[in-house]
Amino acid sequence: MTWAVLATEDELSEEIGSCLAAEAGIEIGQRLRRGGSGYLRSRIANFCEMAERQPVLLLTDLDRINCPPALLEIWFGTRVRPKNLLFRVAVREVESWLLADHEAMRRLVGRRATRLPVDPDELADPKRTLLALAQRAPRAVRDDLVVQQGAIASQGLGYNARLCQLVREAWQPERAAVHSPSLFRTRVRLKELAARMA
């Protein structure tokens, strides 16, 4: 079986990308992650070249760009995207895909998570929403995710480790895709890629 390259912005995106690939039956043979979306964008020509020989799944956040087509225009311009470069955009951030699985989020933050977003793709700042939910989580979760008063960072030191563990142990893409159109589309495209790779 042919394996794919996974290129992501950060540790959490890599964990989610790995989970999505596994769900589609795609083996990840190489993981590329360094320094956020700037790194990915600066290497887009390399990823296009790589995709001529090997399938590449590139996962990035939409962030403050208006919509995925606008992001594609910025990153690719007139460059033709190879068929096996699967460029997927989490709207607005990969945290929205986590928030979309209400069952996994309740497992993370406990019974007090009564107001989970129905349309997390519509949130202006999914990460902030997740951190607000974590304020009411059990202490161990809160200590990992929420930054201490007066700290410079926007998240706790255990943020990535705790959320990556959640992805491995509880998060289910099929459940999450019900609340996230961008995740739903990503799962469809991954299944198409898996069929081509078979």
N, C-alpha and C. Protein backbone atom coordinates (compact mmCIF):
# COMPACT_ATOMS: atom_id res chain seq x y z
N MET A 1 0.84 -1.20 0.00
CA MET A 1 0.00 0.00 0.00
C MET A 1 0.87 1.25 0.00
N THR A 2 0.49 2.23 -0.76
CA THR A 2 1.20 3.51 -0.80
C THR A 2 0.93 4.28 0.49
N TRP A 3 1.95 4.92 1.01
CA TRP A 3 1.73 5.75 2.20
C TRP A 3 1.71 7.22 1.81
N ALA A 4 1.23 8.06 2.72
CA ALA A 4 1.09 9.49 2.47
C ALA A 4 1.97 10.29 3.41
N VAL A 5 2.26 11.51 3.00
CA VAL A 5 2.95 12.49 3.83
C VAL A 5 1.89 13.34 4.52
N LEU A 6 2.08 13.64 5.79
CA LEU A 6 1.19 14.52 6.53
C LEU A 6 1.94 15.79 6.90
N ALA A 7 1.46 16.93 6.43
CA ALA A 7 2.08 18.22 6.74
C ALA A 7 1.09 19.06 7.53
N THR A 8 1.49 19.51 8.71
CA THR A 8 0.58 20.24 9.60
C THR A 8 1.28 21.42 10.26
N GLU A 9 0.46 22.27 10.89
CA GLU A 9 0.96 23.46 11.57
C GLU A 9 1.58 23.17 12.93
N ASP A 10 0.99 22.24 13.67
CA ASP A 10 1.38 22.06 15.06
C ASP A 10 1.06 20.64 15.53
N GLU A 11 1.40 20.37 16.78
CA GLU A 11 1.24 19.03 17.34
C GLU A 11 -0.21 18.56 17.34
N LEU A 12 -1.14 19.44 17.72
CA LEU A 12 -2.55 19.06 17.76
C LEU A 12 -3.08 18.77 16.36
N SER A 13 -2.75 19.60 15.39
CA SER A 13 -3.17 19.36 14.01
C SER A 13 -2.61 18.04 13.49
N GLU A 14 -1.38 17.73 13.87
CA GLU A 14 -0.76 16.48 13.44
C GLU A 14 -1.52 15.28 14.02
N GLU A 15 -1.91 15.37 15.28
CA GLU A 15 -2.65 14.27 15.91
C GLU A 15 -4.00 14.07 15.23
N ILE A 16 -4.69 15.18 14.96
CA ILE A 16 -5.99 15.10 14.29
C ILE A 16 -5.83 14.59 12.86
N GLY A 17 -4.82 15.08 12.14
CA GLY A 17 -4.57 14.60 10.78
C GLY A 17 -4.27 13.12 10.76
N SER A 18 -3.50 12.64 11.73
CA SER A 18 -3.19 11.22 11.83
C SER A 18 -4.44 10.40 12.08
N CYS A 19 -5.31 10.90 12.96
CA CYS A 19 -6.57 10.22 13.27
C CYS A 19 -7.46 10.13 12.03
N LEU A 20 -7.56 11.24 11.30
CA LEU A 20 -8.40 11.27 10.10
C LEU A 20 -7.84 10.34 9.02
N ALA A 21 -6.53 10.33 8.86
CA ALA A 21 -5.92 9.44 7.87
C ALA A 21 -6.18 7.98 8.23
N ALA A 22 -6.00 7.64 9.51
CA ALA A 22 -6.24 6.26 9.95
C ALA A 22 -7.69 5.86 9.72
N GLU A 23 -8.61 6.77 9.99
CA GLU A 23 -10.03 6.47 9.77
C GLU A 23 -10.30 6.14 8.30
N ALA A 24 -9.61 6.83 7.40
CA ALA A 24 -9.80 6.61 5.96
C ALA A 24 -9.00 5.41 5.45
N GLY A 25 -8.17 4.83 6.31
CA GLY A 25 -7.35 3.70 5.90
C GLY A 25 -6.07 4.10 5.19
N ILE A 26 -5.60 5.31 5.47
CA ILE A 26 -4.38 5.83 4.85
C ILE A 26 -3.24 5.75 5.86
N GLU A 27 -2.14 5.13 5.46
CA GLU A 27 -0.97 5.04 6.33
C GLU A 27 -0.11 6.29 6.14
N ILE A 28 0.26 6.92 7.24
CA ILE A 28 1.15 8.08 7.19
C ILE A 28 2.58 7.60 7.35
N GLY A 29 3.40 7.85 6.34
CA GLY A 29 4.78 7.40 6.36
C GLY A 29 5.76 8.48 6.77
N GLN A 30 5.36 9.74 6.64
CA GLN A 30 6.24 10.85 7.00
C GLN A 30 5.39 11.99 7.53
N ARG A 31 5.84 12.61 8.62
CA ARG A 31 5.14 13.75 9.22
C ARG A 31 6.04 14.97 9.15
N LEU A 32 5.50 16.07 8.63
CA LEU A 32 6.26 17.32 8.51
C LEU A 32 5.53 18.39 9.29
N ARG A 33 6.20 18.93 10.31
CA ARG A 33 5.58 19.96 11.15
C ARG A 33 6.68 20.85 11.71
N ARG A 34 6.54 22.15 11.45
CA ARG A 34 7.53 23.07 11.96
C ARG A 34 7.03 24.51 11.84
N GLY A 35 6.76 25.16 12.94
CA GLY A 35 6.56 26.60 12.93
C GLY A 35 5.27 27.15 12.33
N GLY A 36 4.19 26.42 12.37
CA GLY A 36 2.89 26.98 11.99
C GLY A 36 2.65 27.08 10.50
N SER A 37 1.64 27.87 10.15
CA SER A 37 1.22 27.96 8.75
C SER A 37 2.26 28.65 7.87
N GLY A 38 3.07 29.52 8.45
CA GLY A 38 4.12 30.18 7.68
C GLY A 38 5.08 29.18 7.06
N TYR A 39 5.44 28.16 7.83
CA TYR A 39 6.32 27.11 7.32
C TYR A 39 5.63 26.37 6.17
N LEU A 40 4.37 26.00 6.36
CA LEU A 40 3.65 25.27 5.32
C LEU A 40 3.56 26.08 4.04
N ARG A 41 3.19 27.35 4.19
CA ARG A 41 3.03 28.20 3.00
C ARG A 41 4.36 28.41 2.27
N SER A 42 5.44 28.57 3.03
CA SER A 42 6.75 28.80 2.40
C SER A 42 7.25 27.57 1.63
N ARG A 43 6.71 26.39 1.98
CA ARG A 43 7.14 25.15 1.34
C ARG A 43 6.12 24.60 0.35
N ILE A 44 5.14 25.42 -0.05
CA ILE A 44 4.06 24.90 -0.88
C ILE A 44 4.57 24.33 -2.21
N ALA A 45 5.59 24.96 -2.80
CA ALA A 45 6.16 24.43 -4.04
C ALA A 45 6.75 23.05 -3.81
N ASN A 46 7.41 22.85 -2.66
CA ASN A 46 7.98 21.54 -2.32
C ASN A 46 6.89 20.49 -2.15
N PHE A 47 5.78 20.89 -1.50
CA PHE A 47 4.69 19.94 -1.30
C PHE A 47 4.05 19.55 -2.64
N CYS A 48 3.93 20.52 -3.54
CA CYS A 48 3.39 20.22 -4.88
C CYS A 48 4.29 19.22 -5.60
N GLU A 49 5.58 19.45 -5.53
CA GLU A 49 6.55 18.56 -6.18
C GLU A 49 6.49 17.17 -5.55
N MET A 50 6.42 17.13 -4.22
CA MET A 50 6.35 15.86 -3.49
C MET A 50 5.10 15.07 -3.89
N ALA A 51 3.98 15.79 -4.08
CA ALA A 51 2.70 15.14 -4.39
C ALA A 51 2.68 14.51 -5.78
N GLU A 52 3.64 14.85 -6.62
CA GLU A 52 3.74 14.19 -7.92
C GLU A 52 4.22 12.75 -7.77
N ARG A 53 4.90 12.47 -6.64
CA ARG A 53 5.44 11.13 -6.39
C ARG A 53 4.73 10.40 -5.26
N GLN A 54 4.18 11.17 -4.32
CA GLN A 54 3.66 10.60 -3.08
C GLN A 54 2.45 11.42 -2.63
N PRO A 55 1.33 10.80 -2.25
CA PRO A 55 0.20 11.58 -1.75
C PRO A 55 0.59 12.42 -0.54
N VAL A 56 0.11 13.66 -0.50
CA VAL A 56 0.39 14.58 0.59
C VAL A 56 -0.93 15.10 1.15
N LEU A 57 -1.11 14.97 2.46
CA LEU A 57 -2.23 15.59 3.17
C LEU A 57 -1.68 16.79 3.91
N LEU A 58 -2.10 17.98 3.50
CA LEU A 58 -1.68 19.21 4.15
C LEU A 58 -2.89 19.78 4.88
N LEU A 59 -2.75 19.97 6.18
CA LEU A 59 -3.85 20.47 7.01
C LEU A 59 -3.43 21.79 7.63
N THR A 60 -4.24 22.84 7.38
CA THR A 60 -3.95 24.16 7.93
C THR A 60 -5.23 24.79 8.45
N ASP A 61 -5.07 25.83 9.25
CA ASP A 61 -6.22 26.57 9.78
C ASP A 61 -6.58 27.72 8.85
N LEU A 62 -7.87 28.05 8.82
CA LEU A 62 -8.32 29.21 8.05
C LEU A 62 -7.92 30.50 8.74
N ASP A 63 -7.95 30.49 10.08
CA ASP A 63 -7.63 31.67 10.89
C ASP A 63 -8.50 32.84 10.47
N ARG A 64 -7.88 33.97 10.09
CA ARG A 64 -8.66 35.18 9.82
C ARG A 64 -8.96 35.42 8.34
N ILE A 65 -8.57 34.48 7.49
CA ILE A 65 -8.90 34.59 6.06
C ILE A 65 -10.40 34.40 5.92
N ASN A 66 -11.00 35.05 4.95
CA ASN A 66 -12.45 35.05 4.79
C ASN A 66 -13.05 33.67 4.57
N CYS A 67 -12.45 32.87 3.66
CA CYS A 67 -13.01 31.57 3.32
C CYS A 67 -11.91 30.69 2.71
N PRO A 68 -12.11 29.37 2.68
CA PRO A 68 -11.08 28.49 2.12
C PRO A 68 -10.66 28.83 0.68
N PRO A 69 -11.59 29.17 -0.24
CA PRO A 69 -11.12 29.54 -1.59
C PRO A 69 -10.16 30.74 -1.59
N ALA A 70 -10.41 31.70 -0.69
CA ALA A 70 -9.50 32.85 -0.59
C ALA A 70 -8.13 32.41 -0.10
N LEU A 71 -8.10 31.47 0.84
CA LEU A 71 -6.83 30.94 1.34
C LEU A 71 -6.07 30.21 0.22
N LEU A 72 -6.80 29.42 -0.55
CA LEU A 72 -6.19 28.73 -1.69
C LEU A 72 -5.58 29.72 -2.68
N GLU A 73 -6.29 30.79 -2.95
CA GLU A 73 -5.81 31.83 -3.88
C GLU A 73 -4.51 32.43 -3.36
N ILE A 74 -4.46 32.72 -2.06
CA ILE A 74 -3.27 33.32 -1.45
C ILE A 74 -2.08 32.35 -1.53
N TRP A 75 -2.32 31.09 -1.22
CA TRP A 75 -1.23 30.12 -1.15
C TRP A 75 -0.76 29.66 -2.52
N PHE A 76 -1.70 29.47 -3.46
CA PHE A 76 -1.34 28.85 -4.73
C PHE A 76 -1.27 29.83 -5.90
N GLY A 77 -2.04 30.92 -5.84
CA GLY A 77 -2.07 31.84 -6.98
C GLY A 77 -2.48 31.09 -8.23
N THR A 78 -1.64 31.12 -9.25
CA THR A 78 -1.96 30.42 -10.51
C THR A 78 -1.36 29.02 -10.57
N ARG A 79 -0.64 28.64 -9.53
CA ARG A 79 -0.01 27.31 -9.50
C ARG A 79 -1.08 26.22 -9.53
N VAL A 80 -0.88 25.20 -10.33
CA VAL A 80 -1.81 24.08 -10.41
C VAL A 80 -1.54 23.11 -9.25
N ARG A 81 -2.59 22.76 -8.54
CA ARG A 81 -2.46 21.81 -7.43
C ARG A 81 -2.45 20.38 -7.97
N PRO A 82 -1.45 19.60 -7.62
CA PRO A 82 -1.45 18.19 -8.04
C PRO A 82 -2.65 17.45 -7.44
N LYS A 83 -3.12 16.46 -8.16
CA LYS A 83 -4.30 15.70 -7.73
C LYS A 83 -4.08 15.06 -6.36
N ASN A 84 -2.86 14.65 -6.09
CA ASN A 84 -2.57 13.95 -4.84
C ASN A 84 -2.03 14.86 -3.74
N LEU A 85 -2.21 16.18 -3.91
CA LEU A 85 -1.98 17.11 -2.79
C LEU A 85 -3.36 17.43 -2.22
N LEU A 86 -3.67 16.81 -1.10
CA LEU A 86 -4.96 17.02 -0.45
C LEU A 86 -4.80 18.18 0.52
N PHE A 87 -5.21 19.35 0.09
CA PHE A 87 -5.07 20.59 0.87
C PHE A 87 -6.37 20.82 1.62
N ARG A 88 -6.36 20.64 2.94
CA ARG A 88 -7.59 20.76 3.72
C ARG A 88 -7.46 21.88 4.74
N VAL A 89 -8.57 22.60 4.92
CA VAL A 89 -8.59 23.78 5.77
C VAL A 89 -9.58 23.56 6.91
N ALA A 90 -9.09 23.67 8.14
CA ALA A 90 -9.96 23.64 9.32
C ALA A 90 -10.55 25.03 9.51
N VAL A 91 -11.87 25.11 9.52
CA VAL A 91 -12.55 26.41 9.66
C VAL A 91 -13.01 26.54 11.12
N ARG A 92 -12.56 27.57 11.75
CA ARG A 92 -11.46 28.49 11.52
C ARG A 92 -10.14 27.96 12.03
N GLU A 93 -10.23 27.06 13.01
CA GLU A 93 -9.03 26.45 13.58
C GLU A 93 -9.35 24.98 13.84
N VAL A 94 -8.31 24.19 13.99
CA VAL A 94 -8.51 22.76 14.23
C VAL A 94 -9.28 22.53 15.54
N GLU A 95 -9.23 23.50 16.45
CA GLU A 95 -10.02 23.37 17.69
C GLU A 95 -11.51 23.30 17.42
N SER A 96 -11.96 23.89 16.30
CA SER A 96 -13.39 23.80 15.97
C SER A 96 -13.78 22.34 15.70
N TRP A 97 -12.86 21.57 15.13
CA TRP A 97 -13.14 20.16 14.88
C TRP A 97 -13.22 19.38 16.19
N LEU A 98 -12.41 19.76 17.18
CA LEU A 98 -12.52 19.14 18.50
C LEU A 98 -13.86 19.48 19.14
N LEU A 99 -14.22 20.76 19.11
CA LEU A 99 -15.48 21.22 19.70
C LEU A 99 -16.69 20.55 19.07
N ALA A 100 -16.55 20.12 17.83
CA ALA A 100 -17.68 19.53 17.10
C ALA A 100 -18.07 18.16 17.63
N ASP A 101 -17.16 17.48 18.31
CA ASP A 101 -17.51 16.19 18.93
C ASP A 101 -17.93 16.47 20.36
N HIS A 102 -19.23 16.65 20.56
CA HIS A 102 -19.75 17.03 21.87
C HIS A 102 -19.49 15.96 22.93
N GLU A 103 -19.57 14.71 22.52
CA GLU A 103 -19.34 13.63 23.50
C GLU A 103 -17.90 13.67 24.02
N ALA A 104 -16.94 13.84 23.12
CA ALA A 104 -15.53 13.92 23.54
C ALA A 104 -15.30 15.16 24.40
N MET A 105 -15.92 16.27 24.04
CA MET A 105 -15.74 17.50 24.83
C MET A 105 -16.32 17.35 26.23
N ARG A 106 -17.46 16.67 26.34
CA ARG A 106 -18.01 16.43 27.68
C ARG A 106 -17.09 15.54 28.50
N ARG A 107 -16.46 14.60 27.84
CA ARG A 107 -15.50 13.75 28.54
C ARG A 107 -14.32 14.59 29.04
N LEU A 108 -13.93 15.59 28.27
CA LEU A 108 -12.81 16.44 28.66
C LEU A 108 -13.17 17.39 29.79
N VAL A 109 -14.26 18.12 29.61
CA VAL A 109 -14.57 19.21 30.57
C VAL A 109 -15.63 18.84 31.60
N GLY A 110 -16.24 17.67 31.45
CA GLY A 110 -17.19 17.22 32.47
C GLY A 110 -18.62 17.64 32.17
N ARG A 111 -19.48 17.34 33.12
CA ARG A 111 -20.92 17.58 32.94
C ARG A 111 -21.27 19.05 32.84
N ARG A 112 -20.38 19.91 33.25
CA ARG A 112 -20.69 21.34 33.22
C ARG A 112 -20.65 21.92 31.80
N ALA A 113 -20.23 21.10 30.85
CA ALA A 113 -20.18 21.56 29.45
C ALA A 113 -21.58 21.45 28.84
N THR A 114 -22.43 22.37 29.22
CA THR A 114 -23.82 22.33 28.76
C THR A 114 -24.04 23.15 27.50
N ARG A 115 -23.17 24.08 27.20
CA ARG A 115 -23.36 24.97 26.05
C ARG A 115 -22.27 24.79 25.01
N LEU A 116 -22.23 23.62 24.46
CA LEU A 116 -21.25 23.35 23.39
C LEU A 116 -21.77 23.92 22.08
N PRO A 117 -20.89 24.50 21.27
CA PRO A 117 -21.33 25.14 20.01
C PRO A 117 -21.90 24.14 19.01
N VAL A 118 -23.06 24.46 18.48
CA VAL A 118 -23.70 23.61 17.48
C VAL A 118 -23.01 23.76 16.13
N ASP A 119 -22.51 24.96 15.82
CA ASP A 119 -21.83 25.25 14.56
C ASP A 119 -20.43 25.79 14.84
N PRO A 120 -19.49 24.94 15.28
CA PRO A 120 -18.17 25.46 15.65
C PRO A 120 -17.41 26.09 14.49
N ASP A 121 -17.74 25.73 13.23
CA ASP A 121 -17.08 26.37 12.08
C ASP A 121 -17.43 27.85 12.00
N GLU A 122 -18.51 28.26 12.65
CA GLU A 122 -18.95 29.66 12.61
C GLU A 122 -18.31 30.51 13.70
N LEU A 123 -17.59 29.90 14.62
CA LEU A 123 -16.96 30.65 15.71
C LEU A 123 -15.82 31.50 15.19
N ALA A 124 -15.72 32.72 15.69
CA ALA A 124 -14.61 33.61 15.30
C ALA A 124 -13.29 33.13 15.88
N ASP A 125 -13.33 32.51 17.07
CA ASP A 125 -12.10 32.08 17.74
C ASP A 125 -12.38 30.78 18.50
N PRO A 126 -12.35 29.64 17.79
CA PRO A 126 -12.65 28.35 18.44
C PRO A 126 -11.74 28.04 19.63
N LYS A 127 -10.48 28.41 19.53
CA LYS A 127 -9.56 28.13 20.63
C LYS A 127 -9.99 28.86 21.89
N ARG A 128 -10.40 30.09 21.74
CA ARG A 128 -10.88 30.85 22.90
C ARG A 128 -12.12 30.21 23.50
N THR A 129 -13.01 29.72 22.65
CA THR A 129 -14.21 29.03 23.13
C THR A 129 -13.83 27.78 23.91
N LEU A 130 -12.88 27.01 23.38
CA LEU A 130 -12.43 25.80 24.07
C LEU A 130 -11.82 26.15 25.43
N LEU A 131 -11.01 27.20 25.47
CA LEU A 131 -10.38 27.61 26.73
C LEU A 131 -11.42 28.12 27.73
N ALA A 132 -12.47 28.77 27.24
CA ALA A 132 -13.54 29.22 28.14
C ALA A 132 -14.26 28.03 28.75
N LEU A 133 -14.50 26.99 27.95
CA LEU A 133 -15.10 25.76 28.49
C LEU A 133 -14.18 25.12 29.53
N ALA A 134 -12.90 25.17 29.27
CA ALA A 134 -11.93 24.55 30.18
C ALA A 134 -11.87 25.25 31.53
N GLN A 135 -12.30 26.50 31.59
CA GLN A 135 -12.33 27.23 32.87
C GLN A 135 -13.22 26.53 33.88
N ARG A 136 -14.21 25.77 33.38
CA ARG A 136 -15.15 25.10 34.27
C ARG A 136 -14.89 23.59 34.35
N ALA A 137 -13.78 23.15 33.80
CA ALA A 137 -13.43 21.73 33.77
C ALA A 137 -12.86 21.29 35.13
N PRO A 138 -12.74 19.99 35.34
CA PRO A 138 -12.04 19.51 36.55
C PRO A 138 -10.64 20.11 36.63
N ARG A 139 -10.14 20.22 37.83
CA ARG A 139 -8.90 20.97 38.07
C ARG A 139 -7.72 20.49 37.22
N ALA A 140 -7.53 19.19 37.08
CA ALA A 140 -6.38 18.68 36.33
C ALA A 140 -6.43 19.14 34.88
N VAL A 141 -7.62 19.11 34.28
CA VAL A 141 -7.80 19.57 32.90
C VAL A 141 -7.58 21.07 32.82
N ARG A 142 -8.19 21.78 33.76
CA ARG A 142 -8.06 23.24 33.80
C ARG A 142 -6.59 23.65 33.91
N ASP A 143 -5.85 22.97 34.78
CA ASP A 143 -4.43 23.30 34.97
C ASP A 143 -3.62 23.07 33.69
N ASP A 144 -3.98 22.04 32.92
CA ASP A 144 -3.27 21.76 31.67
C ASP A 144 -3.59 22.77 30.58
N LEU A 145 -4.86 23.14 30.46
CA LEU A 145 -5.31 23.94 29.32
C LEU A 145 -5.25 25.45 29.53
N VAL A 146 -5.59 25.88 30.73
CA VAL A 146 -5.76 27.32 30.97
C VAL A 146 -4.48 27.91 31.52
N VAL A 147 -4.10 29.03 30.96
CA VAL A 147 -2.86 29.71 31.37
C VAL A 147 -3.03 30.33 32.76
N GLN A 148 -1.93 30.35 33.49
CA GLN A 148 -1.95 30.96 34.82
C GLN A 148 -2.06 32.48 34.70
N GLN A 149 -2.68 33.10 35.68
CA GLN A 149 -2.85 34.55 35.70
C GLN A 149 -1.50 35.25 35.54
N GLY A 150 -1.43 36.20 34.60
CA GLY A 150 -0.23 36.98 34.39
C GLY A 150 0.78 36.36 33.44
N ALA A 151 0.52 35.16 32.96
CA ALA A 151 1.45 34.51 32.03
C ALA A 151 1.34 35.12 30.64
N ILE A 152 2.40 35.00 29.86
CA ILE A 152 2.43 35.58 28.51
C ILE A 152 1.70 34.66 27.51
N ALA A 153 1.81 33.36 27.71
CA ALA A 153 1.21 32.39 26.77
C ALA A 153 -0.31 32.50 26.76
N SER A 154 -0.92 32.03 25.67
CA SER A 154 -2.38 32.06 25.56
C SER A 154 -3.02 30.77 26.06
N GLN A 155 -2.20 29.76 26.34
CA GLN A 155 -2.71 28.46 26.76
C GLN A 155 -1.80 27.86 27.81
N GLY A 156 -2.32 26.87 28.53
CA GLY A 156 -1.53 26.21 29.56
C GLY A 156 -0.43 25.34 28.97
N LEU A 157 0.53 24.99 29.80
CA LEU A 157 1.68 24.21 29.35
C LEU A 157 1.29 22.81 28.88
N GLY A 158 0.20 22.28 29.40
CA GLY A 158 -0.23 20.95 29.03
C GLY A 158 -1.27 20.92 27.93
N TYR A 159 -1.48 22.04 27.27
CA TYR A 159 -2.55 22.17 26.27
C TYR A 159 -2.46 21.10 25.17
N ASN A 160 -1.33 21.04 24.50
CA ASN A 160 -1.19 20.09 23.39
C ASN A 160 -1.24 18.65 23.87
N ALA A 161 -0.54 18.35 24.96
CA ALA A 161 -0.52 16.97 25.46
C ALA A 161 -1.92 16.51 25.84
N ARG A 162 -2.67 17.34 26.55
CA ARG A 162 -4.01 16.97 26.99
C ARG A 162 -4.96 16.78 25.80
N LEU A 163 -4.91 17.71 24.84
CA LEU A 163 -5.83 17.62 23.70
C LEU A 163 -5.43 16.50 22.73
N CYS A 164 -4.15 16.25 22.58
CA CYS A 164 -3.72 15.11 21.76
C CYS A 164 -4.18 13.80 22.38
N GLN A 165 -4.12 13.71 23.70
CA GLN A 165 -4.63 12.53 24.40
C GLN A 165 -6.13 12.37 24.14
N LEU A 166 -6.87 13.47 24.16
CA LEU A 166 -8.31 13.44 23.89
C LEU A 166 -8.56 12.89 22.48
N VAL A 167 -7.78 13.35 21.51
CA VAL A 167 -7.94 12.87 20.13
C VAL A 167 -7.71 11.36 20.06
N ARG A 168 -6.65 10.91 20.71
CA ARG A 168 -6.31 9.48 20.67
C ARG A 168 -7.36 8.61 21.37
N GLU A 169 -7.92 9.10 22.47
CA GLU A 169 -8.76 8.25 23.32
C GLU A 169 -10.26 8.45 23.17
N ALA A 170 -10.70 9.61 22.70
CA ALA A 170 -12.14 9.87 22.74
C ALA A 170 -12.73 10.52 21.50
N TRP A 171 -11.95 11.35 20.80
CA TRP A 171 -12.50 12.12 19.68
C TRP A 171 -12.82 11.21 18.51
N GLN A 172 -14.02 11.37 17.94
CA GLN A 172 -14.42 10.55 16.79
C GLN A 172 -14.84 11.45 15.63
N PRO A 173 -14.09 11.39 14.52
CA PRO A 173 -14.37 12.25 13.37
C PRO A 173 -15.80 12.12 12.86
N GLU A 174 -16.35 10.92 12.88
CA GLU A 174 -17.71 10.73 12.37
C GLU A 174 -18.73 11.54 13.18
N ARG A 175 -18.58 11.53 14.49
CA ARG A 175 -19.47 12.33 15.35
C ARG A 175 -19.24 13.82 15.10
N ALA A 176 -17.97 14.21 15.06
CA ALA A 176 -17.63 15.63 14.93
C ALA A 176 -18.10 16.20 13.60
N ALA A 177 -18.06 15.40 12.54
CA ALA A 177 -18.43 15.88 11.20
C ALA A 177 -19.90 16.30 11.12
N VAL A 178 -20.72 15.82 12.03
CA VAL A 178 -22.14 16.22 12.06
C VAL A 178 -22.27 17.71 12.32
N HIS A 179 -21.35 18.27 13.11
CA HIS A 179 -21.42 19.69 13.48
C HIS A 179 -20.41 20.56 12.73
N SER A 180 -19.58 19.97 11.87
CA SER A 180 -18.53 20.74 11.20
C SER A 180 -18.49 20.42 9.71
N PRO A 181 -19.04 21.31 8.87
CA PRO A 181 -18.99 21.08 7.42
C PRO A 181 -17.57 20.95 6.88
N SER A 182 -16.62 21.72 7.44
CA SER A 182 -15.24 21.64 6.91
C SER A 182 -14.63 20.28 7.23
N LEU A 183 -14.96 19.71 8.37
CA LEU A 183 -14.48 18.37 8.71
C LEU A 183 -15.19 17.33 7.85
N PHE A 184 -16.48 17.50 7.64
CA PHE A 184 -17.24 16.58 6.78
C PHE A 184 -16.59 16.50 5.40
N ARG A 185 -16.27 17.66 4.81
CA ARG A 185 -15.66 17.68 3.48
C ARG A 185 -14.27 17.03 3.49
N THR A 186 -13.52 17.25 4.57
CA THR A 186 -12.19 16.65 4.68
C THR A 186 -12.29 15.14 4.70
N ARG A 187 -13.24 14.59 5.43
CA ARG A 187 -13.41 13.13 5.49
C ARG A 187 -13.78 12.57 4.12
N VAL A 188 -14.63 13.28 3.38
CA VAL A 188 -15.00 12.83 2.03
C VAL A 188 -13.77 12.79 1.14
N ARG A 189 -12.97 13.86 1.16
CA ARG A 189 -11.78 13.93 0.30
C ARG A 189 -10.75 12.87 0.68
N LEU A 190 -10.63 12.59 1.98
CA LEU A 190 -9.70 11.56 2.41
C LEU A 190 -10.13 10.18 1.92
N LYS A 191 -11.42 9.91 1.93
CA LYS A 191 -11.90 8.63 1.42
C LYS A 191 -11.64 8.52 -0.08
N GLU A 192 -11.79 9.63 -0.81
CA GLU A 192 -11.48 9.63 -2.24
C GLU A 192 -9.99 9.36 -2.46
N LEU A 193 -9.16 10.00 -1.66
CA LEU A 193 -7.71 9.78 -1.77
C LEU A 193 -7.36 8.32 -1.47
N ALA A 194 -7.97 7.77 -0.44
CA ALA A 194 -7.72 6.36 -0.09
C ALA A 194 -8.09 5.43 -1.22
N ALA A 195 -9.19 5.74 -1.91
CA ALA A 195 -9.63 4.91 -3.05
C ALA A 195 -8.60 4.99 -4.18
N ARG A 196 -8.02 6.18 -4.41
CA ARG A 196 -7.00 6.31 -5.45
C ARG A 196 -5.73 5.57 -5.09
N MET A 197 -5.44 5.54 -3.79
CA MET A 197 -4.20 4.91 -3.34
C MET A 197 -4.29 3.39 -3.29
N ALA A 198 -5.51 2.87 -3.27
CA ALA A 198 -5.69 1.41 -3.10
C ALA A 198 -5.11 0.62 -4.27
